[in-house]
Protein backbone atom coordinates (compact mmCIF):
# COMPACT_ATOMS: atom_id res chain seq x y z
CA MET A 1 0.20 -0.12 -0.10
CA GLN A 2 1.30 3.60 -0.76
CA LYS A 3 1.67 6.41 1.27
CA ILE A 4 1.10 9.58 0.40
CA ILE A 5 2.97 12.80 1.65
CA ARG A 6 1.23 15.57 0.54
CA GLY A 7 3.67 18.99 1.35
CA PHE A 8 7.03 19.77 2.57
CA TYR A 9 5.40 19.73 6.23
CA ASN A 10 4.75 16.43 5.99
CA LEU A 11 8.34 14.85 4.21
CA PRO A 12 10.19 12.01 6.69
CA SER A 13 12.56 14.93 8.23
CA SER A 14 9.50 17.04 9.49
CA THR A 15 7.79 13.92 11.21
CA ASN A 16 9.12 11.20 13.46
CA GLU A 17 9.49 9.39 10.29
CA PRO A 18 12.59 9.86 8.43
CA LEU A 19 14.13 7.89 5.64
CA ALA A 20 17.15 5.77 5.85
CA GLY A 21 17.36 6.69 2.08
CA CYS A 22 15.24 6.10 -0.93
CA VAL A 23 15.26 5.96 -4.33
CA ALA A 24 12.99 8.69 -6.09
CA THR A 25 12.07 10.04 -9.54
CA ILE A 26 10.31 13.21 -10.48
CA GLY A 27 7.81 14.40 -12.91
CA ASN A 28 4.06 14.92 -13.46
CA PHE A 29 3.51 11.04 -14.61
CA ASP A 30 0.21 12.36 -16.98
CA GLY A 31 -0.91 9.22 -18.24
CA VAL A 32 1.88 6.88 -16.61
CA HIS A 33 2.34 5.96 -20.40
CA LEU A 34 4.80 2.93 -21.11
CA GLY A 35 8.18 5.63 -21.23
CA HIS A 36 6.81 6.34 -17.43
CA GLN A 37 6.35 2.64 -16.65
CA ALA A 38 9.96 1.95 -17.96
CA VAL A 39 11.42 4.70 -15.27
CA LEU A 40 9.20 3.34 -12.19
CA ASN A 41 10.48 -0.38 -13.51
CA GLN A 42 14.23 0.92 -13.84
CA LEU A 43 13.48 2.42 -9.83
CA ALA A 44 12.23 -0.38 -8.63
CA MET A 45 14.80 -3.12 -9.70
CA LYS A 46 17.44 -0.42 -8.05
CA GLY A 47 15.41 -0.02 -5.06
CA SER A 48 15.88 -3.81 -4.39
CA ALA A 49 19.12 -4.02 -4.99
CA LEU A 50 19.91 -0.93 -2.56
CA GLY A 51 17.17 -2.28 0.07
CA LEU A 52 15.70 1.30 -0.21
CA PRO A 53 12.59 2.46 -0.68
CA VAL A 54 11.29 3.88 -4.02
CA VAL A 55 9.20 7.50 -3.94
CA VAL A 56 7.56 9.39 -6.50
CA ILE A 57 8.31 12.69 -6.67
CA THR A 58 5.27 14.91 -8.34
CA PHE A 59 3.23 18.64 -8.32
CA GLU A 60 -0.17 19.82 -8.08
CA PRO A 61 -0.99 21.55 -10.27
CA GLN A 62 1.19 20.69 -12.54
CA PRO A 63 3.74 23.81 -12.97
CA ASN A 64 2.30 24.51 -16.36
CA GLU A 65 -0.83 24.61 -14.96
CA PHE A 66 0.32 27.28 -12.20
CA PHE A 67 1.91 29.60 -14.37
CA SER A 68 -0.35 29.30 -17.75
CA ALA A 69 -3.46 27.66 -16.51
CA GLU A 70 -5.93 28.77 -20.18
CA HIS A 71 -2.43 27.44 -22.25
CA ALA A 72 -1.76 24.30 -20.23
CA PRO A 73 -2.67 20.99 -21.84
CA ALA A 74 -5.41 18.63 -21.30
CA ARG A 75 -4.07 16.01 -18.30
CA LEU A 76 -4.85 12.72 -19.64
CA SER A 77 -5.09 11.42 -15.97
CA ARG A 78 -6.30 13.47 -13.07
CA PHE A 79 -4.37 13.43 -9.71
CA ARG A 80 -7.04 10.38 -8.19
CA GLU A 81 -6.72 8.94 -11.71
CA LYS A 82 -2.94 8.82 -11.52
CA ILE A 83 -2.42 7.61 -7.38
CA GLU A 84 -4.62 4.56 -9.19
CA ALA A 85 -2.30 3.85 -12.00
CA LEU A 86 0.95 4.05 -9.70
CA ARG A 87 -0.64 1.92 -7.47
CA CYS A 88 0.28 -0.75 -10.15
CA TYR A 89 3.97 -0.60 -9.27
CA ALA A 90 6.62 -1.24 -6.68
CA ILE A 91 6.37 2.08 -5.10
CA GLN A 92 5.89 2.97 -1.72
CA LYS A 93 5.42 6.72 -1.36
CA VAL A 94 4.00 9.85 -3.90
CA CYS A 95 5.20 12.85 -2.70
CA VAL A 96 2.49 15.27 -3.94
CA LEU A 97 3.69 18.75 -3.43
CA ARG A 98 1.79 21.71 -3.89
CA PHE A 99 2.61 24.07 -6.74
CA ASN A 100 2.31 27.28 -5.67
CA HIS A 101 4.36 30.81 -5.31
CA LYS A 102 6.57 29.70 -2.59
CA VAL A 103 7.94 26.21 -4.52
CA ALA A 104 8.32 28.28 -7.95
CA GLN A 105 10.05 31.16 -6.07
CA MET A 106 12.45 28.86 -4.20
CA THR A 107 16.00 28.64 -5.35
CA ALA A 108 17.54 25.75 -7.32
CA HIS A 109 19.75 25.15 -4.10
CA ASP A 110 16.81 25.06 -1.73
CA PHE A 111 14.73 22.62 -3.47
CA ILE A 112 17.48 20.13 -4.28
CA GLN A 113 18.41 20.18 -0.06
CA GLN A 114 15.14 20.85 1.41
CA LEU A 115 13.21 18.14 -0.63
CA LEU A 116 16.19 15.73 -2.12
CA ILE A 117 18.60 15.82 1.00
CA THR A 118 16.84 17.27 4.17
CA GLY A 119 13.49 15.86 3.08
CA LEU A 120 13.96 12.77 1.57
CA ASN A 121 17.73 11.69 1.97
CA VAL A 122 17.52 10.35 -1.85
CA ARG A 123 20.81 8.12 -2.84
CA TYR A 124 19.34 7.31 -6.46
CA LEU A 125 17.76 9.65 -8.41
CA VAL A 126 16.49 8.93 -11.76
CA VAL A 127 15.07 12.65 -13.69
CA GLY A 128 14.84 13.91 -17.67
CA ASP A 129 17.86 15.36 -18.83
CA ASP A 130 15.70 18.12 -19.57
CA PHE A 131 14.72 18.45 -16.30
CA LYS A 132 14.36 22.53 -15.07
CA PHE A 133 13.18 23.43 -11.72
CA GLY A 134 13.80 26.35 -9.30
CA GLU A 135 13.36 29.72 -9.54
CA ASN A 136 13.29 31.04 -13.12
CA ARG A 137 14.19 27.73 -14.08
CA GLN A 138 18.05 27.63 -13.12
CA GLY A 139 18.30 24.31 -11.98
CA ASP A 140 19.19 21.53 -14.47
CA PHE A 141 20.36 18.22 -14.81
CA ALA A 142 24.10 19.43 -14.74
CA LEU A 143 23.32 20.98 -11.37
CA LEU A 144 21.62 17.94 -9.86
CA GLN A 145 24.51 15.89 -10.99
CA GLN A 146 26.89 18.39 -9.55
CA VAL A 147 25.23 18.23 -6.06
CA GLY A 148 24.73 14.53 -6.24
CA LYS A 149 28.34 13.96 -6.29
CA GLU A 150 29.37 16.51 -3.43
CA GLN A 151 26.35 14.76 -1.13
CA GLY A 152 26.28 11.31 -2.66
CA PHE A 153 24.08 10.28 -4.02
CA GLN A 154 23.47 9.29 -7.89
CA VAL A 155 21.56 11.33 -10.49
CA VAL A 156 20.78 9.54 -14.17
CA ASN A 157 18.68 10.35 -16.89
CA MET A 158 15.55 8.68 -17.95
CA HIS A 159 16.14 6.24 -20.64
CA THR A 160 14.32 7.45 -24.19
CA PHE A 161 11.44 5.02 -24.72
CA ALA A 162 10.41 5.04 -28.01
CA ILE A 163 8.42 2.88 -29.97
CA ASP A 164 7.79 3.47 -33.97
CA ASN A 165 11.24 5.23 -33.50
CA LYS A 166 9.16 7.84 -32.09
CA ARG A 167 9.92 8.91 -27.96
CA VAL A 168 6.89 7.98 -26.02
CA SER A 169 5.14 11.12 -24.43
CA SER A 170 2.04 12.41 -22.92
CA THR A 171 2.08 15.02 -25.80
CA ARG A 172 2.13 12.18 -28.58
CA ILE A 173 -0.40 10.57 -26.75
CA ARG A 174 -2.55 13.77 -26.41
CA LEU A 175 -2.63 14.28 -30.15
CA ALA A 176 -3.17 10.52 -31.00
CA LEU A 177 -6.66 11.16 -28.77
CA LYS A 178 -7.44 14.86 -30.73
CA ALA A 179 -7.31 12.75 -33.88
CA GLY A 180 -9.39 9.30 -32.53
CA ASP A 181 -6.55 7.28 -32.98
CA LEU A 182 -7.41 5.14 -29.86
CA VAL A 183 -5.11 2.01 -31.05
CA GLN A 184 -2.40 4.45 -31.16
CA ALA A 185 -3.39 5.85 -27.56
CA GLU A 186 -3.53 2.34 -26.08
CA LYS A 187 -0.38 1.27 -27.68
CA LEU A 188 1.49 4.41 -25.98
CA LEU A 189 0.06 3.87 -22.91
CA GLY A 190 0.20 0.32 -22.70
CA ARG A 191 -3.44 -0.08 -21.70
CA PRO A 192 -6.93 1.24 -23.29
CA TYR A 193 -7.35 5.35 -22.29
CA ARG A 194 -9.44 5.83 -19.42
CA MET A 195 -11.30 7.96 -17.31
CA SER A 196 -13.02 7.17 -14.00
CA GLY A 197 -15.16 9.14 -11.65
CA ARG A 198 -18.24 8.51 -9.57
CA VAL A 199 -21.78 8.14 -10.84
CA ALA A 200 -24.29 11.58 -10.89
CA HIS A 201 -27.67 11.93 -11.15
CA GLY A 202 -28.52 14.01 -14.21
CA ASP A 203 -31.70 15.52 -16.13
CA LYS A 204 -32.90 12.31 -16.93
CA ARG A 205 -33.30 13.25 -20.78
CA GLY A 206 -31.31 10.08 -21.66
CA ARG A 207 -33.71 8.21 -20.25
CA THR A 208 -37.48 9.89 -21.85
CA MET A 209 -35.40 9.42 -24.65
CA GLY A 210 -35.00 5.69 -24.47
CA PHE A 211 -30.97 5.44 -23.75
CA PRO A 212 -30.56 6.25 -19.93
CA THR A 213 -26.88 7.07 -19.19
CA ALA A 214 -24.61 6.83 -16.41
CA ASN A 215 -23.74 10.62 -16.28
CA ILE A 216 -19.96 11.33 -14.81
CA HIS A 217 -18.94 14.70 -13.63
CA LEU A 218 -15.01 14.76 -15.30
CA HIS A 219 -14.11 17.60 -13.14
CA ARG A 220 -10.97 18.82 -15.58
CA ARG A 221 -10.49 22.53 -16.68
CA LYS A 222 -10.12 20.82 -20.35
CA VAL A 223 -10.41 16.75 -21.55
CA PRO A 224 -8.21 15.28 -24.07
CA LEU A 225 -10.65 13.95 -26.28
CA SER A 226 -14.41 14.08 -27.31
CA GLY A 227 -17.17 12.66 -29.02
CA VAL A 228 -18.87 9.33 -28.93
CA TYR A 229 -16.86 5.66 -28.53
CA ALA A 230 -17.40 2.48 -27.78
CA VAL A 231 -16.01 1.68 -24.39
CA GLN A 232 -16.28 -0.53 -21.86
CA LEU A 233 -16.99 0.44 -18.02
CA PHE A 234 -15.59 -1.63 -14.67
CA GLY A 235 -15.99 -0.63 -10.82
CA ILE A 236 -19.22 -2.34 -11.20
CA GLU A 237 -20.49 -6.40 -10.80
CA GLY A 238 -20.59 -7.90 -13.99
CA GLU A 239 -18.00 -5.52 -14.96
CA PRO A 240 -16.55 -5.67 -18.20
CA ILE A 241 -20.26 -3.98 -19.19
CA LYS A 242 -20.20 -2.73 -23.06
CA GLY A 243 -22.01 0.18 -23.89
CA VAL A 244 -21.57 3.83 -26.16
CA ALA A 245 -20.20 6.92 -24.36
CA ASN A 246 -20.19 10.58 -24.90
CA VAL A 247 -18.10 12.94 -24.00
CA GLY A 248 -18.77 16.89 -24.01
CA ILE A 249 -21.10 19.89 -23.61
CA ARG A 250 -24.18 18.00 -25.03
CA PRO A 251 -24.82 20.93 -28.49
CA THR A 252 -28.29 19.41 -29.03
CA VAL A 253 -29.55 20.00 -25.66
CA GLY A 254 -27.84 23.42 -24.37
CA GLY A 255 -25.06 21.51 -22.47
CA GLY A 256 -22.16 23.50 -20.92
CA ARG A 257 -19.50 21.82 -18.74
CA ALA A 258 -17.94 18.74 -20.44
CA LEU A 259 -19.84 15.51 -19.26
CA LEU A 260 -19.22 12.00 -19.57
CA GLU A 261 -22.61 10.23 -20.25
CA VAL A 262 -22.78 6.09 -21.09
CA HIS A 263 -25.15 4.06 -22.12
CA LEU A 264 -24.46 0.63 -20.95
CA PHE A 265 -26.13 -1.90 -23.32
CA ASP A 266 -28.74 -4.40 -21.65
CA PHE A 267 -27.89 -2.83 -18.18
CA ASN A 268 -30.91 -1.70 -15.82
CA ARG A 269 -29.06 -1.44 -12.29
CA ASP A 270 -29.38 1.39 -9.86
CA ILE A 271 -25.14 2.46 -9.61
CA TYR A 272 -26.01 6.16 -8.80
CA GLY A 273 -22.62 7.04 -6.63
CA GLU A 274 -20.62 4.17 -8.06
CA HIS A 275 -16.90 5.04 -8.81
CA VAL A 276 -16.31 3.68 -12.12
CA GLN A 277 -13.82 3.75 -14.78
CA VAL A 278 -14.82 3.74 -18.44
CA HIS A 279 -12.34 2.72 -21.29
CA PHE A 280 -11.80 3.96 -24.63
CA LEU A 281 -11.71 1.78 -27.52
CA GLN A 282 -12.99 2.99 -30.58
CA LYS A 283 -14.19 6.67 -31.57
CA ILE A 284 -17.54 6.31 -33.57
CA ARG A 285 -17.99 9.85 -34.60
CA ASP A 286 -17.50 14.26 -33.24
CA GLU A 287 -20.06 15.51 -31.12
CA GLN A 288 -22.69 17.52 -32.83
CA LYS A 289 -25.63 19.39 -32.73
CA PHE A 290 -29.01 18.19 -33.89
CA GLU A 291 -31.80 20.33 -35.04
CA SER A 292 -34.29 18.33 -32.93
CA LEU A 293 -34.29 15.61 -30.13
CA ASN A 294 -35.89 12.84 -32.94
CA LEU A 295 -32.29 13.11 -35.02
CA LEU A 296 -30.94 13.21 -32.31
CA MET A 297 -32.25 9.61 -30.57
CA ALA A 298 -31.79 8.52 -34.57
CA GLN A 299 -28.30 8.85 -34.49
CA ILE A 300 -27.95 7.48 -30.96
CA ASP A 301 -29.96 4.48 -32.27
CA LEU A 302 -26.94 4.05 -35.37
CA ASP A 303 -24.29 4.99 -32.54
CA CYS A 304 -25.06 1.82 -30.46
CA GLN A 305 -25.74 0.01 -33.75
CA GLN A 306 -21.71 0.50 -34.42
CA ALA A 307 -20.74 0.27 -31.22
CA LYS A 308 -22.25 -3.17 -31.02
CA ARG A 309 -20.77 -4.11 -34.66
CA TYR A 310 -17.36 -3.22 -33.17
CA PHE A 311 -17.85 -5.79 -29.89
CA ALA A 312 -19.36 -8.21 -32.17
CA GLU A 313 -16.42 -8.21 -34.84
CA ARG A 314 -13.85 -8.36 -32.49
CA SER A 315 -15.21 -10.82 -30.23
CA VAL A 316 -14.74 -8.27 -27.24
CA VAL A 317 -15.44 -9.92 -23.85
């Protein structure tokens, strides 16, 4: 079971649980894709060899969201989704630092001293060779290596993890999702792209139209994909449940905030309040505005037929 350390004031040096040492990495880990997984596996092996716990250091909000929320890219995973994904790996602690003005204005040397040396007693650190930190991004990989030699901890760069001769990255996955290429996104993630959330009460309009939906609020500034998809839903008895989902603002009925709506096939159970995961398998079409509810209903019926054909042709369980 992972322990989550929240904030500098909860670092082991500030509690009665000081670390004898650890191996660590720093990053956003947005999506926890195959490149991230390679780093986590590398760390796990090193931690096992040294007999030290593995610590992942990340920030909330992400630094680019703090400096320019409007221009920051859509997240692949919310914080909870990221933590759920990290639980699949041999990580003992996740250190979550609130990125605020105080952290943004820390000097690079203070960041190293307070976090890596005093706070976590890092003995082995893996970061990207383009990693920048500290006030005005003055800290870099070379500084970390220099201080590491002086203080007795090793700093190594993340090995590039490539597929089709291109580096696996969160940006590359966002581009695949935007293009509706879920096969490519799955190839880079090592699993289908998914979103999770709690099933909430909606306006019940889908039920009156003959297509009841499980409504999931996305709690995101931006969403990395939109449109209609063939999906599977996990997190409830009988999983996976096949269905069709719409991600978007529902322009035909005057929606505003982005919502995930999932219509499940041959399903009539009450799942309000359940925390579920939705796996996106194939894009059916873009979201669009219809001139009437009747036209919308006819299109939803076609969407369901296409999704069912997808599952039948691929023998998806």
